[in-house]
Amino acid sequence: MTKHTRPDDLDLNEKGLMNRAKGTAEEMKGRTRSALGGLTGDTSQQLKGKGEELKGKAQRTLGKTQQTLDDVIDRSHRKAP
């Protein structure tokens, strides 16, 4: 049985993992900024922080989707003969 391989530029699992990690980092950055804005009373920083949190969540969701899609593609190529 031959294993189906995709070129590196299409490795969705790795891209998904990277997007999940970057998204988590962005989300943490946003939470920190929002909290500091709350402590200092700077609503502008709070809003920027909330925006970064949302951006991070979206990137994490993209990463999860990429990994799920990679799994589905891999399963479709492991069909029994």
N, C-alpha and C. Protein backbone atom coordinates (compact mmCIF):
# COMPACT_ATOMS: atom_id res chain seq x y z
N MET A 1 0.83 -1.17 0.00
CA MET A 1 0.00 0.00 0.00
C MET A 1 0.89 1.24 0.00
N THR A 2 0.63 2.14 -0.92
CA THR A 2 1.45 3.35 -1.00
C THR A 2 0.79 4.47 -0.22
N LYS A 3 1.61 5.25 0.41
CA LYS A 3 1.09 6.36 1.20
C LYS A 3 1.00 7.60 0.32
N HIS A 4 -0.15 8.24 0.36
CA HIS A 4 -0.35 9.45 -0.41
C HIS A 4 0.32 10.60 0.32
N THR A 5 1.16 11.35 -0.37
CA THR A 5 1.79 12.51 0.24
C THR A 5 1.43 13.75 -0.56
N ARG A 6 1.36 14.84 0.14
CA ARG A 6 1.07 16.12 -0.49
C ARG A 6 2.32 16.98 -0.41
N PRO A 7 2.45 17.92 -1.34
CA PRO A 7 3.59 18.85 -1.26
C PRO A 7 3.54 19.65 0.04
N ASP A 8 4.69 20.12 0.51
CA ASP A 8 4.75 20.87 1.77
C ASP A 8 3.86 22.10 1.77
N ASP A 9 3.70 22.72 0.62
CA ASP A 9 2.89 23.94 0.59
C ASP A 9 1.41 23.64 0.81
N LEU A 10 1.02 22.37 0.82
CA LEU A 10 -0.37 22.00 1.05
C LEU A 10 -0.56 21.22 2.35
N ASP A 11 0.45 21.17 3.20
CA ASP A 11 0.34 20.41 4.44
C ASP A 11 -0.55 21.18 5.42
N LEU A 12 -1.82 20.87 5.37
CA LEU A 12 -2.79 21.59 6.18
C LEU A 12 -2.62 21.34 7.66
N ASN A 13 -2.15 20.17 8.04
CA ASN A 13 -1.98 19.87 9.46
C ASN A 13 -0.95 20.82 10.09
N GLU A 14 0.18 21.01 9.40
CA GLU A 14 1.20 21.90 9.93
C GLU A 14 0.72 23.34 9.93
N LYS A 15 0.05 23.76 8.85
CA LYS A 15 -0.48 25.12 8.80
C LYS A 15 -1.50 25.32 9.91
N GLY A 16 -2.32 24.30 10.13
CA GLY A 16 -3.32 24.38 11.19
C GLY A 16 -2.69 24.52 12.56
N LEU A 17 -1.64 23.75 12.80
CA LEU A 17 -0.95 23.83 14.08
C LEU A 17 -0.34 25.21 14.29
N MET A 18 0.27 25.76 13.23
CA MET A 18 0.86 27.10 13.31
C MET A 18 -0.22 28.15 13.57
N ASN A 19 -1.33 28.05 12.87
CA ASN A 19 -2.40 29.03 13.07
C ASN A 19 -3.01 28.93 14.46
N ARG A 20 -3.12 27.73 14.98
CA ARG A 20 -3.65 27.59 16.34
C ARG A 20 -2.69 28.22 17.35
N ALA A 21 -1.39 28.01 17.19
CA ALA A 21 -0.41 28.57 18.11
C ALA A 21 -0.38 30.10 18.01
N LYS A 22 -0.35 30.62 16.78
CA LYS A 22 -0.33 32.07 16.60
C LYS A 22 -1.63 32.70 17.11
N GLY A 23 -2.74 32.03 16.88
CA GLY A 23 -4.02 32.53 17.36
C GLY A 23 -4.07 32.60 18.87
N THR A 24 -3.56 31.58 19.53
CA THR A 24 -3.53 31.56 20.99
C THR A 24 -2.66 32.70 21.52
N ALA A 25 -1.51 32.91 20.88
CA ALA A 25 -0.61 34.00 21.29
C ALA A 25 -1.29 35.36 21.11
N GLU A 26 -1.96 35.55 19.99
CA GLU A 26 -2.66 36.81 19.72
C GLU A 26 -3.78 37.03 20.73
N GLU A 27 -4.48 35.97 21.06
CA GLU A 27 -5.57 36.06 22.03
C GLU A 27 -5.03 36.46 23.41
N MET A 28 -3.92 35.86 23.81
CA MET A 28 -3.31 36.20 25.11
C MET A 28 -2.82 37.65 25.11
N LYS A 29 -2.24 38.07 24.01
CA LYS A 29 -1.78 39.45 23.88
C LYS A 29 -2.97 40.40 24.04
N GLY A 30 -4.08 40.07 23.41
CA GLY A 30 -5.26 40.90 23.51
C GLY A 30 -5.84 40.95 24.91
N ARG A 31 -5.86 39.81 25.57
CA ARG A 31 -6.37 39.77 26.95
C ARG A 31 -5.51 40.65 27.86
N THR A 32 -4.19 40.56 27.66
CA THR A 32 -3.27 41.36 28.47
C THR A 32 -3.49 42.84 28.22
N ARG A 33 -3.59 43.22 26.94
CA ARG A 33 -3.78 44.63 26.60
C ARG A 33 -5.12 45.13 27.17
N SER A 34 -6.14 44.33 27.04
CA SER A 34 -7.46 44.71 27.54
C SER A 34 -7.44 44.88 29.06
N ALA A 35 -6.78 43.97 29.75
CA ALA A 35 -6.69 44.04 31.21
C ALA A 35 -5.90 45.28 31.64
N LEU A 36 -4.79 45.56 30.97
CA LEU A 36 -4.00 46.74 31.31
C LEU A 36 -4.79 48.02 31.04
N GLY A 37 -5.55 48.02 29.96
CA GLY A 37 -6.40 49.16 29.66
C GLY A 37 -7.46 49.36 30.73
N GLY A 38 -7.98 48.24 31.24
CA GLY A 38 -8.96 48.32 32.32
C GLY A 38 -8.36 48.87 33.60
N LEU A 39 -7.13 48.45 33.89
CA LEU A 39 -6.47 48.92 35.11
C LEU A 39 -6.13 50.40 35.05
N THR A 40 -5.76 50.86 33.86
CA THR A 40 -5.36 52.26 33.71
C THR A 40 -6.52 53.15 33.30
N GLY A 41 -7.67 52.56 32.98
CA GLY A 41 -8.82 53.34 32.55
C GLY A 41 -8.75 53.79 31.10
N ASP A 42 -7.88 53.15 30.32
CA ASP A 42 -7.70 53.50 28.91
C ASP A 42 -8.62 52.63 28.04
N THR A 43 -9.77 53.19 27.70
CA THR A 43 -10.76 52.42 26.93
C THR A 43 -10.26 52.09 25.53
N SER A 44 -9.41 52.94 24.98
CA SER A 44 -8.84 52.66 23.66
C SER A 44 -8.02 51.37 23.68
N GLN A 45 -7.21 51.20 24.72
CA GLN A 45 -6.41 49.98 24.84
C GLN A 45 -7.30 48.77 25.11
N GLN A 46 -8.37 48.97 25.87
CA GLN A 46 -9.30 47.87 26.12
C GLN A 46 -9.93 47.40 24.80
N LEU A 47 -10.35 48.35 23.97
CA LEU A 47 -10.96 47.99 22.69
C LEU A 47 -9.96 47.32 21.75
N LYS A 48 -8.74 47.84 21.72
CA LYS A 48 -7.70 47.20 20.89
C LYS A 48 -7.45 45.77 21.38
N GLY A 49 -7.44 45.59 22.68
CA GLY A 49 -7.25 44.27 23.25
C GLY A 49 -8.37 43.31 22.87
N LYS A 50 -9.60 43.79 22.93
CA LYS A 50 -10.74 42.95 22.54
C LYS A 50 -10.64 42.57 21.07
N GLY A 51 -10.19 43.51 20.24
CA GLY A 51 -10.00 43.22 18.81
C GLY A 51 -8.94 42.15 18.59
N GLU A 52 -7.85 42.24 19.33
CA GLU A 52 -6.80 41.23 19.22
C GLU A 52 -7.29 39.87 19.70
N GLU A 53 -8.10 39.86 20.75
CA GLU A 53 -8.68 38.60 21.22
C GLU A 53 -9.52 37.94 20.13
N LEU A 54 -10.38 38.74 19.50
CA LEU A 54 -11.23 38.21 18.43
C LEU A 54 -10.41 37.71 17.25
N LYS A 55 -9.37 38.46 16.90
CA LYS A 55 -8.49 38.04 15.80
C LYS A 55 -7.83 36.71 16.15
N GLY A 56 -7.38 36.57 17.40
CA GLY A 56 -6.75 35.33 17.84
C GLY A 56 -7.72 34.16 17.80
N LYS A 57 -8.95 34.38 18.25
CA LYS A 57 -9.95 33.31 18.22
C LYS A 57 -10.24 32.87 16.79
N ALA A 58 -10.33 33.84 15.88
CA ALA A 58 -10.58 33.52 14.48
C ALA A 58 -9.43 32.70 13.90
N GLN A 59 -8.20 33.07 14.24
CA GLN A 59 -7.04 32.34 13.72
C GLN A 59 -6.98 30.93 14.30
N ARG A 60 -7.33 30.78 15.58
CA ARG A 60 -7.37 29.44 16.17
C ARG A 60 -8.42 28.58 15.50
N THR A 61 -9.58 29.16 15.20
CA THR A 61 -10.65 28.44 14.52
C THR A 61 -10.20 28.02 13.13
N LEU A 62 -9.51 28.91 12.43
CA LEU A 62 -8.96 28.56 11.11
C LEU A 62 -8.02 27.37 11.23
N GLY A 63 -7.15 27.39 12.23
CA GLY A 63 -6.21 26.29 12.44
C GLY A 63 -6.91 24.97 12.71
N LYS A 64 -7.95 25.00 13.54
CA LYS A 64 -8.71 23.78 13.82
C LYS A 64 -9.36 23.25 12.55
N THR A 65 -9.90 24.16 11.75
CA THR A 65 -10.54 23.77 10.49
C THR A 65 -9.53 23.16 9.53
N GLN A 66 -8.35 23.76 9.44
CA GLN A 66 -7.30 23.22 8.57
C GLN A 66 -6.91 21.81 9.00
N GLN A 67 -6.76 21.60 10.30
CA GLN A 67 -6.37 20.28 10.78
C GLN A 67 -7.48 19.26 10.54
N THR A 68 -8.72 19.67 10.72
CA THR A 68 -9.85 18.77 10.46
C THR A 68 -9.89 18.40 8.99
N LEU A 69 -9.72 19.39 8.13
CA LEU A 69 -9.73 19.13 6.69
C LEU A 69 -8.59 18.20 6.30
N ASP A 70 -7.42 18.40 6.90
CA ASP A 70 -6.28 17.52 6.61
C ASP A 70 -6.61 16.08 7.00
N ASP A 71 -7.26 15.91 8.14
CA ASP A 71 -7.64 14.57 8.60
C ASP A 71 -8.64 13.93 7.64
N VAL A 72 -9.61 14.71 7.19
CA VAL A 72 -10.61 14.18 6.25
C VAL A 72 -9.94 13.77 4.94
N ILE A 73 -9.03 14.58 4.45
CA ILE A 73 -8.33 14.26 3.21
C ILE A 73 -7.51 13.00 3.38
N ASP A 74 -6.80 12.89 4.52
CA ASP A 74 -5.99 11.70 4.76
C ASP A 74 -6.86 10.44 4.83
N ARG A 75 -8.00 10.53 5.49
CA ARG A 75 -8.91 9.38 5.59
C ARG A 75 -9.42 8.96 4.22
N SER A 76 -9.68 9.93 3.36
CA SER A 76 -10.21 9.60 2.03
C SER A 76 -9.17 8.87 1.19
N HIS A 77 -7.90 9.05 1.51
CA HIS A 77 -6.85 8.36 0.76
C HIS A 77 -6.46 7.02 1.38
N ARG A 78 -7.05 6.69 2.54
CA ARG A 78 -6.77 5.41 3.19
C ARG A 78 -7.89 4.42 3.00
N LYS A 79 -8.65 4.61 1.98
CA LYS A 79 -9.77 3.69 1.72
C LYS A 79 -9.26 2.28 1.52
N ALA A 80 -10.03 1.31 1.97
CA ALA A 80 -9.66 -0.09 1.81
C ALA A 80 -9.74 -0.46 0.33
N PRO A 81 -8.81 -1.32 -0.12
CA PRO A 81 -8.81 -1.69 -1.54
C PRO A 81 -10.03 -2.51 -1.93
